[in-house]
Amino acid sequence: LRQWVMLQLIPREPGGVTAQQLQAKLAGIDP
């Protein structure tokens, strides 16, 4: 579930997101 949510949080180029930003977003969605 976490990996699926993580894939949904990744933007399409030219956007981008770092692993650290994904870490914060995931923790905010579900502990």
mmCIF file of all heavy atoms, coordinates in Angstrom:
data_MODEL
# 
_entry.id   MODEL 
# 
loop_
_atom_site.group_PDB 
_atom_site.id 
_atom_site.type_symbol 
_atom_site.label_atom_id 
_atom_site.label_alt_id 
_atom_site.label_comp_id 
_atom_site.label_asym_id 
_atom_site.label_entity_id 
_atom_site.label_seq_id 
_atom_site.pdbx_PDB_ins_code 
_atom_site.Cartn_x 
_atom_site.Cartn_y 
_atom_site.Cartn_z 
_atom_site.occupancy 
_atom_site.B_iso_or_equiv 
_atom_site.pdbx_formal_charge 
_atom_site.auth_seq_id 
_atom_site.auth_comp_id 
_atom_site.auth_asym_id 
_atom_site.auth_atom_id 
_atom_site.pdbx_PDB_model_num 
ATOM 1   N N   . LEU A 1 1  ? 0.832  -1.201 0.000   1.00 0.00 ? 1  LEU A N   1 
ATOM 2   C CA  . LEU A 1 1  ? 0.000  0.000  0.000   1.00 0.00 ? 1  LEU A CA  1 
ATOM 3   C C   . LEU A 1 1  ? 0.868  1.254  0.000   1.00 0.00 ? 1  LEU A C   1 
ATOM 4   O O   . LEU A 1 1  ? 0.581  2.216  -0.714  1.00 0.00 ? 1  LEU A O   1 
ATOM 5   C CB  . LEU A 1 1  ? -0.922 0.001  1.216   1.00 0.00 ? 1  LEU A CB  1 
ATOM 6   C CG  . LEU A 1 1  ? -2.050 -1.035 1.207   1.00 0.00 ? 1  LEU A CG  1 
ATOM 7   C CD1 . LEU A 1 1  ? -2.757 -1.045 2.550   1.00 0.00 ? 1  LEU A CD1 1 
ATOM 8   C CD2 . LEU A 1 1  ? -3.039 -0.724 0.095   1.00 0.00 ? 1  LEU A CD2 1 
ATOM 9   N N   . ARG A 1 2  ? 1.920  1.233  0.801   1.00 0.00 ? 2  ARG A N   1 
ATOM 10  C CA  . ARG A 1 2  ? 2.800  2.397  0.873   1.00 0.00 ? 2  ARG A CA  1 
ATOM 11  C C   . ARG A 1 2  ? 3.446  2.673  -0.481  1.00 0.00 ? 2  ARG A C   1 
ATOM 12  O O   . ARG A 1 2  ? 3.520  3.819  -0.930  1.00 0.00 ? 2  ARG A O   1 
ATOM 13  C CB  . ARG A 1 2  ? 3.870  2.198  1.939   1.00 0.00 ? 2  ARG A CB  1 
ATOM 14  C CG  . ARG A 1 2  ? 4.934  3.289  1.955   1.00 0.00 ? 2  ARG A CG  1 
ATOM 15  C CD  . ARG A 1 2  ? 5.894  3.111  3.103   1.00 0.00 ? 2  ARG A CD  1 
ATOM 16  N NE  . ARG A 1 2  ? 6.468  1.792  3.148   1.00 0.00 ? 2  ARG A NE  1 
ATOM 17  C CZ  . ARG A 1 2  ? 7.431  1.337  2.344   1.00 0.00 ? 2  ARG A CZ  1 
ATOM 18  N NH1 . ARG A 1 2  ? 7.924  2.134  1.395   1.00 0.00 ? 2  ARG A NH1 1 
ATOM 19  N NH2 . ARG A 1 2  ? 7.906  0.119  2.464   1.00 0.00 ? 2  ARG A NH2 1 
ATOM 20  N N   . GLN A 1 3  ? 3.904  1.633  -1.152  1.00 0.00 ? 3  GLN A N   1 
ATOM 21  C CA  . GLN A 1 3  ? 4.552  1.827  -2.440  1.00 0.00 ? 3  GLN A CA  1 
ATOM 22  C C   . GLN A 1 3  ? 3.553  2.316  -3.493  1.00 0.00 ? 3  GLN A C   1 
ATOM 23  O O   . GLN A 1 3  ? 3.896  3.117  -4.363  1.00 0.00 ? 3  GLN A O   1 
ATOM 24  C CB  . GLN A 1 3  ? 5.229  0.528  -2.890  1.00 0.00 ? 3  GLN A CB  1 
ATOM 25  C CG  . GLN A 1 3  ? 6.437  0.160  -2.039  1.00 0.00 ? 3  GLN A CG  1 
ATOM 26  C CD  . GLN A 1 3  ? 7.039  -1.174 -2.420  1.00 0.00 ? 3  GLN A CD  1 
ATOM 27  O OE1 . GLN A 1 3  ? 6.959  -1.590 -3.574  1.00 0.00 ? 3  GLN A OE1 1 
ATOM 28  N NE2 . GLN A 1 3  ? 7.638  -1.859 -1.456  1.00 0.00 ? 3  GLN A NE2 1 
ATOM 29  N N   . TRP A 1 4  ? 2.334  1.835  -3.404  1.00 0.00 ? 4  TRP A N   1 
ATOM 30  C CA  . TRP A 1 4  ? 1.312  2.290  -4.351  1.00 0.00 ? 4  TRP A CA  1 
ATOM 31  C C   . TRP A 1 4  ? 0.997  3.775  -4.130  1.00 0.00 ? 4  TRP A C   1 
ATOM 32  O O   . TRP A 1 4  ? 0.914  4.559  -5.080  1.00 0.00 ? 4  TRP A O   1 
ATOM 33  C CB  . TRP A 1 4  ? 0.060  1.436  -4.199  1.00 0.00 ? 4  TRP A CB  1 
ATOM 34  C CG  . TRP A 1 4  ? -1.043 1.865  -5.119  1.00 0.00 ? 4  TRP A CG  1 
ATOM 35  C CD1 . TRP A 1 4  ? -2.257 2.355  -4.777  1.00 0.00 ? 4  TRP A CD1 1 
ATOM 36  C CD2 . TRP A 1 4  ? -1.012 1.860  -6.551  1.00 0.00 ? 4  TRP A CD2 1 
ATOM 37  N NE1 . TRP A 1 4  ? -2.992 2.649  -5.899  1.00 0.00 ? 4  TRP A NE1 1 
ATOM 38  C CE2 . TRP A 1 4  ? -2.250 2.354  -7.001  1.00 0.00 ? 4  TRP A CE2 1 
ATOM 39  C CE3 . TRP A 1 4  ? -0.061 1.478  -7.487  1.00 0.00 ? 4  TRP A CE3 1 
ATOM 40  C CZ2 . TRP A 1 4  ? -2.561 2.486  -8.340  1.00 0.00 ? 4  TRP A CZ2 1 
ATOM 41  C CZ3 . TRP A 1 4  ? -0.370 1.612  -8.824  1.00 0.00 ? 4  TRP A CZ3 1 
ATOM 42  C CH2 . TRP A 1 4  ? -1.603 2.108  -9.237  1.00 0.00 ? 4  TRP A CH2 1 
ATOM 43  N N   . VAL A 1 5  ? 0.841  4.169  -2.862  1.00 0.00 ? 5  VAL A N   1 
ATOM 44  C CA  . VAL A 1 5  ? 0.603  5.581  -2.545  1.00 0.00 ? 5  VAL A CA  1 
ATOM 45  C C   . VAL A 1 5  ? 1.801  6.417  -2.991  1.00 0.00 ? 5  VAL A C   1 
ATOM 46  O O   . VAL A 1 5  ? 1.646  7.519  -3.528  1.00 0.00 ? 5  VAL A O   1 
ATOM 47  C CB  . VAL A 1 5  ? 0.322  5.759  -1.040  1.00 0.00 ? 5  VAL A CB  1 
ATOM 48  C CG1 . VAL A 1 5  ? 0.266  7.238  -0.670  1.00 0.00 ? 5  VAL A CG1 1 
ATOM 49  C CG2 . VAL A 1 5  ? -0.986 5.085  -0.653  1.00 0.00 ? 5  VAL A CG2 1 
ATOM 50  N N   . MET A 1 6  ? 2.995  5.901  -2.775  1.00 0.00 ? 6  MET A N   1 
ATOM 51  C CA  . MET A 1 6  ? 4.213  6.607  -3.149  1.00 0.00 ? 6  MET A CA  1 
ATOM 52  C C   . MET A 1 6  ? 4.243  6.874  -4.656  1.00 0.00 ? 6  MET A C   1 
ATOM 53  O O   . MET A 1 6  ? 4.598  7.969  -5.104  1.00 0.00 ? 6  MET A O   1 
ATOM 54  C CB  . MET A 1 6  ? 5.423  5.786  -2.726  1.00 0.00 ? 6  MET A CB  1 
ATOM 55  C CG  . MET A 1 6  ? 6.763  6.456  -2.989  1.00 0.00 ? 6  MET A CG  1 
ATOM 56  S SD  . MET A 1 6  ? 8.094  5.533  -2.198  1.00 0.00 ? 6  MET A SD  1 
ATOM 57  C CE  . MET A 1 6  ? 7.993  3.972  -3.102  1.00 0.00 ? 6  MET A CE  1 
ATOM 58  N N   . LEU A 1 7  ? 3.842  5.890  -5.448  1.00 0.00 ? 7  LEU A N   1 
ATOM 59  C CA  . LEU A 1 7  ? 3.803  6.074  -6.896  1.00 0.00 ? 7  LEU A CA  1 
ATOM 60  C C   . LEU A 1 7  ? 2.815  7.174  -7.287  1.00 0.00 ? 7  LEU A C   1 
ATOM 61  O O   . LEU A 1 7  ? 3.040  7.915  -8.242  1.00 0.00 ? 7  LEU A O   1 
ATOM 62  C CB  . LEU A 1 7  ? 3.427  4.762  -7.585  1.00 0.00 ? 7  LEU A CB  1 
ATOM 63  C CG  . LEU A 1 7  ? 4.474  3.640  -7.532  1.00 0.00 ? 7  LEU A CG  1 
ATOM 64  C CD1 . LEU A 1 7  ? 3.898  2.359  -8.104  1.00 0.00 ? 7  LEU A CD1 1 
ATOM 65  C CD2 . LEU A 1 7  ? 5.736  4.042  -8.290  1.00 0.00 ? 7  LEU A CD2 1 
ATOM 66  N N   . GLN A 1 8  ? 1.716  7.263  -6.553  1.00 0.00 ? 8  GLN A N   1 
ATOM 67  C CA  . GLN A 1 8  ? 0.721  8.295  -6.849  1.00 0.00 ? 8  GLN A CA  1 
ATOM 68  C C   . GLN A 1 8  ? 1.214  9.689  -6.496  1.00 0.00 ? 8  GLN A C   1 
ATOM 69  O O   . GLN A 1 8  ? 0.723  10.686 -7.043  1.00 0.00 ? 8  GLN A O   1 
ATOM 70  C CB  . GLN A 1 8  ? -0.580 7.992  -6.095  1.00 0.00 ? 8  GLN A CB  1 
ATOM 71  C CG  . GLN A 1 8  ? -1.284 6.731  -6.570  1.00 0.00 ? 8  GLN A CG  1 
ATOM 72  C CD  . GLN A 1 8  ? -2.495 6.397  -5.720  1.00 0.00 ? 8  GLN A CD  1 
ATOM 73  O OE1 . GLN A 1 8  ? -2.444 6.483  -4.487  1.00 0.00 ? 8  GLN A OE1 1 
ATOM 74  N NE2 . GLN A 1 8  ? -3.585 6.035  -6.368  1.00 0.00 ? 8  GLN A NE2 1 
ATOM 75  N N   . LEU A 1 9  ? 2.170  9.783  -5.576  1.00 0.00 ? 9  LEU A N   1 
ATOM 76  C CA  . LEU A 1 9  ? 2.689  11.079 -5.146  1.00 0.00 ? 9  LEU A CA  1 
ATOM 77  C C   . LEU A 1 9  ? 3.776  11.618 -6.066  1.00 0.00 ? 9  LEU A C   1 
ATOM 78  O O   . LEU A 1 9  ? 4.194  12.772 -5.925  1.00 0.00 ? 9  LEU A O   1 
ATOM 79  C CB  . LEU A 1 9  ? 3.254  10.971 -3.718  1.00 0.00 ? 9  LEU A CB  1 
ATOM 80  C CG  . LEU A 1 9  ? 2.243  10.686 -2.610  1.00 0.00 ? 9  LEU A CG  1 
ATOM 81  C CD1 . LEU A 1 9  ? 2.958  10.438 -1.292  1.00 0.00 ? 9  LEU A CD1 1 
ATOM 82  C CD2 . LEU A 1 9  ? 1.266  11.846 -2.471  1.00 0.00 ? 9  LEU A CD2 1 
ATOM 83  N N   . ILE A 1 10 ? 4.247  10.817 -6.993  1.00 0.00 ? 10 ILE A N   1 
ATOM 84  C CA  . ILE A 1 10 ? 5.328  11.239 -7.885  1.00 0.00 ? 10 ILE A CA  1 
ATOM 85  C C   . ILE A 1 10 ? 4.718  12.004 -9.063  1.00 0.00 ? 10 ILE A C   1 
ATOM 86  O O   . ILE A 1 10 ? 3.834  11.495 -9.747  1.00 0.00 ? 10 ILE A O   1 
ATOM 87  C CB  . ILE A 1 10 ? 6.125  10.023 -8.390  1.00 0.00 ? 10 ILE A CB  1 
ATOM 88  C CG1 . ILE A 1 10 ? 6.786  9.306  -7.205  1.00 0.00 ? 10 ILE A CG1 1 
ATOM 89  C CG2 . ILE A 1 10 ? 7.178  10.445 -9.403  1.00 0.00 ? 10 ILE A CG2 1 
ATOM 90  C CD1 . ILE A 1 10 ? 7.448  8.000  -7.571  1.00 0.00 ? 10 ILE A CD1 1 
ATOM 91  N N   . PRO A 1 11 ? 5.159  13.242 -9.309  1.00 0.00 ? 11 PRO A N   1 
ATOM 92  C CA  . PRO A 1 11 ? 4.580  14.038 -10.399 1.00 0.00 ? 11 PRO A CA  1 
ATOM 93  C C   . PRO A 1 11 ? 5.137  13.644 -11.760 1.00 0.00 ? 11 PRO A C   1 
ATOM 94  O O   . PRO A 1 11 ? 6.158  12.958 -11.856 1.00 0.00 ? 11 PRO A O   1 
ATOM 95  C CB  . PRO A 1 11 ? 4.998  15.469 -10.042 1.00 0.00 ? 11 PRO A CB  1 
ATOM 96  C CG  . PRO A 1 11 ? 6.289  15.301 -9.314  1.00 0.00 ? 11 PRO A CG  1 
ATOM 97  C CD  . PRO A 1 11 ? 6.178  14.005 -8.553  1.00 0.00 ? 11 PRO A CD  1 
ATOM 98  N N   . ARG A 1 12 ? 4.460  14.097 -12.797 1.00 0.00 ? 12 ARG A N   1 
ATOM 99  C CA  . ARG A 1 12 ? 4.947  13.904 -14.157 1.00 0.00 ? 12 ARG A CA  1 
ATOM 100 C C   . ARG A 1 12 ? 5.954  15.005 -14.479 1.00 0.00 ? 12 ARG A C   1 
ATOM 101 O O   . ARG A 1 12 ? 5.831  16.123 -13.992 1.00 0.00 ? 12 ARG A O   1 
ATOM 102 C CB  . ARG A 1 12 ? 3.768  13.938 -15.132 1.00 0.00 ? 12 ARG A CB  1 
ATOM 103 C CG  . ARG A 1 12 ? 4.127  13.603 -16.562 1.00 0.00 ? 12 ARG A CG  1 
ATOM 104 C CD  . ARG A 1 12 ? 2.920  13.635 -17.490 1.00 0.00 ? 12 ARG A CD  1 
ATOM 105 N NE  . ARG A 1 12 ? 2.061  12.485 -17.286 1.00 0.00 ? 12 ARG A NE  1 
ATOM 106 C CZ  . ARG A 1 12 ? 0.815  12.538 -16.877 1.00 0.00 ? 12 ARG A CZ  1 
ATOM 107 N NH1 . ARG A 1 12 ? 0.276  13.694 -16.599 1.00 0.00 ? 12 ARG A NH1 1 
ATOM 108 N NH2 . ARG A 1 12 ? 0.092  11.447 -16.724 1.00 0.00 ? 12 ARG A NH2 1 
ATOM 109 N N   . GLU A 1 13 ? 6.992  14.687 -15.280 1.00 0.00 ? 13 GLU A N   1 
ATOM 110 C CA  . GLU A 1 13 ? 7.965  15.705 -15.663 1.00 0.00 ? 13 GLU A CA  1 
ATOM 111 C C   . GLU A 1 13 ? 7.254  16.858 -16.403 1.00 0.00 ? 13 GLU A C   1 
ATOM 112 O O   . GLU A 1 13 ? 6.223  16.636 -17.043 1.00 0.00 ? 13 GLU A O   1 
ATOM 113 C CB  . GLU A 1 13 ? 9.064  15.089 -16.541 1.00 0.00 ? 13 GLU A CB  1 
ATOM 114 C CG  . GLU A 1 13 ? 8.606  14.510 -17.860 1.00 0.00 ? 13 GLU A CG  1 
ATOM 115 C CD  . GLU A 1 13 ? 9.769  13.986 -18.700 1.00 0.00 ? 13 GLU A CD  1 
ATOM 116 O OE1 . GLU A 1 13 ? 10.895 14.495 -18.593 1.00 0.00 ? 13 GLU A OE1 1 
ATOM 117 O OE2 . GLU A 1 13 ? 9.528  13.038 -19.458 1.00 0.00 ? 13 GLU A OE2 1 
ATOM 118 N N   . PRO A 1 14 ? 7.742  18.098 -16.225 1.00 0.00 ? 14 PRO A N   1 
ATOM 119 C CA  . PRO A 1 14 ? 9.025  18.492 -15.667 1.00 0.00 ? 14 PRO A CA  1 
ATOM 120 C C   . PRO A 1 14 ? 9.071  18.570 -14.151 1.00 0.00 ? 14 PRO A C   1 
ATOM 121 O O   . PRO A 1 14 ? 10.072 19.009 -13.593 1.00 0.00 ? 14 PRO A O   1 
ATOM 122 C CB  . PRO A 1 14 ? 9.243  19.875 -16.289 1.00 0.00 ? 14 PRO A CB  1 
ATOM 123 C CG  . PRO A 1 14 ? 7.864  20.424 -16.422 1.00 0.00 ? 14 PRO A CG  1 
ATOM 124 C CD  . PRO A 1 14 ? 6.995  19.246 -16.788 1.00 0.00 ? 14 PRO A CD  1 
ATOM 125 N N   . GLY A 1 15 ? 7.986  18.191 -13.461 1.00 0.00 ? 15 GLY A N   1 
ATOM 126 C CA  . GLY A 1 15 ? 8.015  18.179 -12.007 1.00 0.00 ? 15 GLY A CA  1 
ATOM 127 C C   . GLY A 1 15 ? 8.914  17.076 -11.487 1.00 0.00 ? 15 GLY A C   1 
ATOM 128 O O   . GLY A 1 15 ? 9.432  16.247 -12.234 1.00 0.00 ? 15 GLY A O   1 
ATOM 129 N N   . GLY A 1 16 ? 9.091  17.038 -10.190 1.00 0.00 ? 16 GLY A N   1 
ATOM 130 C CA  . GLY A 1 16 ? 9.910  16.011 -9.574  1.00 0.00 ? 16 GLY A CA  1 
ATOM 131 C C   . GLY A 1 16 ? 9.790  16.079 -8.061  1.00 0.00 ? 16 GLY A C   1 
ATOM 132 O O   . GLY A 1 16 ? 9.368  17.102 -7.508  1.00 0.00 ? 16 GLY A O   1 
ATOM 133 N N   . VAL A 1 17 ? 10.135 14.996 -7.389  1.00 0.00 ? 17 VAL A N   1 
ATOM 134 C CA  . VAL A 1 17 ? 10.044 14.947 -5.934  1.00 0.00 ? 17 VAL A CA  1 
ATOM 135 C C   . VAL A 1 17 ? 11.214 14.118 -5.410  1.00 0.00 ? 17 VAL A C   1 
ATOM 136 O O   . VAL A 1 17 ? 11.604 13.116 -6.022  1.00 0.00 ? 17 VAL A O   1 
ATOM 137 C CB  . VAL A 1 17 ? 8.685  14.353 -5.491  1.00 0.00 ? 17 VAL A CB  1 
ATOM 138 C CG1 . VAL A 1 17 ? 8.521  12.916 -5.950  1.00 0.00 ? 17 VAL A CG1 1 
ATOM 139 C CG2 . VAL A 1 17 ? 8.491  14.466 -3.989  1.00 0.00 ? 17 VAL A CG2 1 
ATOM 140 N N   . THR A 1 18 ? 11.806 14.541 -4.301  1.00 0.00 ? 18 THR A N   1 
ATOM 141 C CA  . THR A 1 18 ? 12.930 13.814 -3.715  1.00 0.00 ? 18 THR A CA  1 
ATOM 142 C C   . THR A 1 18 ? 12.416 12.721 -2.794  1.00 0.00 ? 18 THR A C   1 
ATOM 143 O O   . THR A 1 18 ? 11.250 12.735 -2.361  1.00 0.00 ? 18 THR A O   1 
ATOM 144 C CB  . THR A 1 18 ? 13.839 14.756 -2.911  1.00 0.00 ? 18 THR A CB  1 
ATOM 145 O OG1 . THR A 1 18 ? 13.101 15.272 -1.793  1.00 0.00 ? 18 THR A OG1 1 
ATOM 146 C CG2 . THR A 1 18 ? 14.334 15.916 -3.771  1.00 0.00 ? 18 THR A CG2 1 
ATOM 147 N N   . ALA A 1 19 ? 13.304 11.784 -2.462  1.00 0.00 ? 19 ALA A N   1 
ATOM 148 C CA  . ALA A 1 19 ? 12.947 10.720 -1.526  1.00 0.00 ? 19 ALA A CA  1 
ATOM 149 C C   . ALA A 1 19 ? 12.588 11.303 -0.168  1.00 0.00 ? 19 ALA A C   1 
ATOM 150 O O   . ALA A 1 19 ? 11.678 10.809 0.522   1.00 0.00 ? 19 ALA A O   1 
ATOM 151 C CB  . ALA A 1 19 ? 14.102 9.729  -1.404  1.00 0.00 ? 19 ALA A CB  1 
ATOM 152 N N   . GLN A 1 20 ? 13.272 12.357 0.237   1.00 0.00 ? 20 GLN A N   1 
ATOM 153 C CA  . GLN A 1 20 ? 12.981 12.987 1.523   1.00 0.00 ? 20 GLN A CA  1 
ATOM 154 C C   . GLN A 1 20 ? 11.591 13.618 1.521   1.00 0.00 ? 20 GLN A C   1 
ATOM 155 O O   . GLN A 1 20 ? 10.850 13.529 2.509   1.00 0.00 ? 20 GLN A O   1 
ATOM 156 C CB  . GLN A 1 20 ? 14.044 14.045 1.832   1.00 0.00 ? 20 GLN A CB  1 
ATOM 157 C CG  . GLN A 1 20 ? 13.916 14.645 3.228   1.00 0.00 ? 20 GLN A CG  1 
ATOM 158 C CD  . GLN A 1 20 ? 15.090 15.541 3.566   1.00 0.00 ? 20 GLN A CD  1 
ATOM 159 O OE1 . GLN A 1 20 ? 15.991 15.744 2.757   1.00 0.00 ? 20 GLN A OE1 1 
ATOM 160 N NE2 . GLN A 1 20 ? 15.105 16.067 4.767   1.00 0.00 ? 20 GLN A NE2 1 
ATOM 161 N N   . GLN A 1 21 ? 11.209 14.249 0.404   1.00 0.00 ? 21 GLN A N   1 
ATOM 162 C CA  . GLN A 1 21 ? 9.866  14.821 0.311   1.00 0.00 ? 21 GLN A CA  1 
ATOM 163 C C   . GLN A 1 21 ? 8.801  13.726 0.307   1.00 0.00 ? 21 GLN A C   1 
ATOM 164 O O   . GLN A 1 21 ? 7.745  13.882 0.935   1.00 0.00 ? 21 GLN A O   1 
ATOM 165 C CB  . GLN A 1 21 ? 9.764  15.670 -0.962  1.00 0.00 ? 21 GLN A CB  1 
ATOM 166 C CG  . GLN A 1 21 ? 10.576 16.947 -0.902  1.00 0.00 ? 21 GLN A CG  1 
ATOM 167 C CD  . GLN A 1 21 ? 10.656 17.661 -2.235  1.00 0.00 ? 21 GLN A CD  1 
ATOM 168 O OE1 . GLN A 1 21 ? 10.605 17.027 -3.304  1.00 0.00 ? 21 GLN A OE1 1 
ATOM 169 N NE2 . GLN A 1 21 ? 10.783 18.981 -2.216  1.00 0.00 ? 21 GLN A NE2 1 
ATOM 170 N N   . LEU A 1 22 ? 9.084  12.617 -0.373  1.00 0.00 ? 22 LEU A N   1 
ATOM 171 C CA  . LEU A 1 22 ? 8.150  11.488 -0.350  1.00 0.00 ? 22 LEU A CA  1 
ATOM 172 C C   . LEU A 1 22 ? 8.013  10.932 1.057   1.00 0.00 ? 22 LEU A C   1 
ATOM 173 O O   . LEU A 1 22 ? 6.906  10.574 1.491   1.00 0.00 ? 22 LEU A O   1 
ATOM 174 C CB  . LEU A 1 22 ? 8.629  10.389 -1.306  1.00 0.00 ? 22 LEU A CB  1 
ATOM 175 C CG  . LEU A 1 22 ? 8.415  10.638 -2.801  1.00 0.00 ? 22 LEU A CG  1 
ATOM 176 C CD1 . LEU A 1 22 ? 9.088  9.549  -3.610  1.00 0.00 ? 22 LEU A CD1 1 
ATOM 177 C CD2 . LEU A 1 22 ? 6.923  10.700 -3.133  1.00 0.00 ? 22 LEU A CD2 1 
ATOM 178 N N   . GLN A 1 23 ? 9.120  10.866 1.781   1.00 0.00 ? 23 GLN A N   1 
ATOM 179 C CA  . GLN A 1 23 ? 9.092  10.374 3.158   1.00 0.00 ? 23 GLN A CA  1 
ATOM 180 C C   . GLN A 1 23 ? 8.148  11.221 4.017   1.00 0.00 ? 23 GLN A C   1 
ATOM 181 O O   . GLN A 1 23 ? 7.327  10.691 4.764   1.00 0.00 ? 23 GLN A O   1 
ATOM 182 C CB  . GLN A 1 23 ? 10.506 10.413 3.731   1.00 0.00 ? 23 GLN A CB  1 
ATOM 183 C CG  . GLN A 1 23 ? 10.605 9.923  5.170   1.00 0.00 ? 23 GLN A CG  1 
ATOM 184 C CD  . GLN A 1 23 ? 11.991 10.181 5.756   1.00 0.00 ? 23 GLN A CD  1 
ATOM 185 O OE1 . GLN A 1 23 ? 12.673 11.123 5.358   1.00 0.00 ? 23 GLN A OE1 1 
ATOM 186 N NE2 . GLN A 1 23 ? 12.405 9.344  6.691   1.00 0.00 ? 23 GLN A NE2 1 
ATOM 187 N N   . ALA A 1 24 ? 8.246  12.551 3.892   1.00 0.00 ? 24 ALA A N   1 
ATOM 188 C CA  . ALA A 1 24 ? 7.392  13.446 4.676   1.00 0.00 ? 24 ALA A CA  1 
ATOM 189 C C   . ALA A 1 24 ? 5.931  13.330 4.253   1.00 0.00 ? 24 ALA A C   1 
ATOM 190 O O   . ALA A 1 24 ? 5.027  13.304 5.094   1.00 0.00 ? 24 ALA A O   1 
ATOM 191 C CB  . ALA A 1 24 ? 7.878  14.886 4.518   1.00 0.00 ? 24 ALA A CB  1 
ATOM 192 N N   . LYS A 1 25 ? 5.678  13.239 2.944   1.00 0.00 ? 25 LYS A N   1 
ATOM 193 C CA  . LYS A 1 25 ? 4.303  13.132 2.456   1.00 0.00 ? 25 LYS A CA  1 
ATOM 194 C C   . LYS A 1 25 ? 3.653  11.829 2.913   1.00 0.00 ? 25 LYS A C   1 
ATOM 195 O O   . LYS A 1 25 ? 2.488  11.801 3.337   1.00 0.00 ? 25 LYS A O   1 
ATOM 196 C CB  . LYS A 1 25 ? 4.271  13.220 0.925   1.00 0.00 ? 25 LYS A CB  1 
ATOM 197 C CG  . LYS A 1 25 ? 4.593  14.602 0.366   1.00 0.00 ? 25 LYS A CG  1 
ATOM 198 C CD  . LYS A 1 25 ? 4.618  14.568 -1.153  1.00 0.00 ? 25 LYS A CD  1 
ATOM 199 C CE  . LYS A 1 25 ? 4.971  15.932 -1.732  1.00 0.00 ? 25 LYS A CE  1 
ATOM 200 N NZ  . LYS A 1 25 ? 3.862  16.897 -1.589  1.00 0.00 ? 25 LYS A NZ  1 
ATOM 201 N N   . LEU A 1 26 ? 4.396  10.730 2.843   1.00 0.00 ? 26 LEU A N   1 
ATOM 202 C CA  . LEU A 1 26 ? 3.857  9.429  3.255   1.00 0.00 ? 26 LEU A CA  1 
ATOM 203 C C   . LEU A 1 26 ? 3.530  9.417  4.738   1.00 0.00 ? 26 LEU A C   1 
ATOM 204 O O   . LEU A 1 26 ? 2.479  8.915  5.154   1.00 0.00 ? 26 LEU A O   1 
ATOM 205 C CB  . LEU A 1 26 ? 4.865  8.320  2.923   1.00 0.00 ? 26 LEU A CB  1 
ATOM 206 C CG  . LEU A 1 26 ? 5.004  7.955  1.441   1.00 0.00 ? 26 LEU A CG  1 
ATOM 207 C CD1 . LEU A 1 26 ? 6.234  7.091  1.229   1.00 0.00 ? 26 LEU A CD1 1 
ATOM 208 C CD2 . LEU A 1 26 ? 3.759  7.243  0.949   1.00 0.00 ? 26 LEU A CD2 1 
ATOM 209 N N   . ALA A 1 27 ? 4.422  9.971  5.557   1.00 0.00 ? 27 ALA A N   1 
ATOM 210 C CA  . ALA A 1 27 ? 4.184  10.005 7.004   1.00 0.00 ? 27 ALA A CA  1 
ATOM 211 C C   . ALA A 1 27 ? 2.971  10.855 7.337   1.00 0.00 ? 27 ALA A C   1 
ATOM 212 O O   . ALA A 1 27 ? 2.242  10.572 8.291   1.00 0.00 ? 27 ALA A O   1 
ATOM 213 C CB  . ALA A 1 27 ? 5.425  10.536 7.723   1.00 0.00 ? 27 ALA A CB  1 
ATOM 214 N N   . GLY A 1 28 ? 2.724  11.898 6.523   1.00 0.00 ? 28 GLY A N   1 
ATOM 215 C CA  . GLY A 1 28 ? 1.553  12.741 6.752   1.00 0.00 ? 28 GLY A CA  1 
ATOM 216 C C   . GLY A 1 28 ? 0.253  12.071 6.375   1.00 0.00 ? 28 GLY A C   1 
ATOM 217 O O   . GLY A 1 28 ? -0.807 12.404 6.906   1.00 0.00 ? 28 GLY A O   1 
ATOM 218 N N   . ILE A 1 29 ? 0.315  11.115 5.455   1.00 0.00 ? 29 ILE A N   1 
ATOM 219 C CA  . ILE A 1 29 ? -0.892 10.402 5.023   1.00 0.00 ? 29 ILE A CA  1 
ATOM 220 C C   . ILE A 1 29 ? -1.289 9.325  6.023   1.00 0.00 ? 29 ILE A C   1 
ATOM 221 O O   . ILE A 1 29 ? -2.467 9.179  6.371   1.00 0.00 ? 29 ILE A O   1 
ATOM 222 C CB  . ILE A 1 29 ? -0.667 9.791  3.623   1.00 0.00 ? 29 ILE A CB  1 
ATOM 223 C CG1 . ILE A 1 29 ? -0.543 10.910 2.579   1.00 0.00 ? 29 ILE A CG1 1 
ATOM 224 C CG2 . ILE A 1 29 ? -1.802 8.844  3.235   1.00 0.00 ? 29 ILE A CG2 1 
ATOM 225 C CD1 . ILE A 1 29 ? -0.156 10.435 1.206   1.00 0.00 ? 29 ILE A CD1 1 
ATOM 226 N N   . ASP A 1 30 ? -0.300 8.554  6.515   1.00 0.00 ? 30 ASP A N   1 
ATOM 227 C CA  . ASP A 1 30 ? -0.589 7.447  7.435   1.00 0.00 ? 30 ASP A CA  1 
ATOM 228 C C   . ASP A 1 30 ? 0.678  7.162  8.237   1.00 0.00 ? 30 ASP A C   1 
ATOM 229 O O   . ASP A 1 30 ? 1.743  6.948  7.650   1.00 0.00 ? 30 ASP A O   1 
ATOM 230 C CB  . ASP A 1 30 ? -1.008 6.206  6.651   1.00 0.00 ? 30 ASP A CB  1 
ATOM 231 C CG  . ASP A 1 30 ? -1.608 5.115  7.553   1.00 0.00 ? 30 ASP A CG  1 
ATOM 232 O OD1 . ASP A 1 30 ? -1.103 4.949  8.680   1.00 0.00 ? 30 ASP A OD1 1 
ATOM 233 O OD2 . ASP A 1 30 ? -2.556 4.459  7.124   1.00 0.00 ? 30 ASP A OD2 1 
ATOM 234 N N   . PRO A 1 31 ? 0.592  7.145  9.570   1.00 0.00 ? 31 PRO A N   1 
ATOM 235 C CA  . PRO A 1 31 ? 1.780  6.852  10.386  1.00 0.00 ? 31 PRO A CA  1 
ATOM 236 C C   . PRO A 1 31 ? 2.427  5.511  10.047  1.00 0.00 ? 31 PRO A C   1 
ATOM 237 O O   . PRO A 1 31 ? 3.643  5.342  10.223  1.00 0.00 ? 31 PRO A O   1 
ATOM 238 C CB  . PRO A 1 31 ? 1.239  6.858  11.816  1.00 0.00 ? 31 PRO A CB  1 
ATOM 239 C CG  . PRO A 1 31 ? 0.016  7.703  11.760  1.00 0.00 ? 31 PRO A CG  1 
ATOM 240 C CD  . PRO A 1 31 ? -0.571 7.466  10.410  1.00 0.00 ? 31 PRO A CD  1 
# 
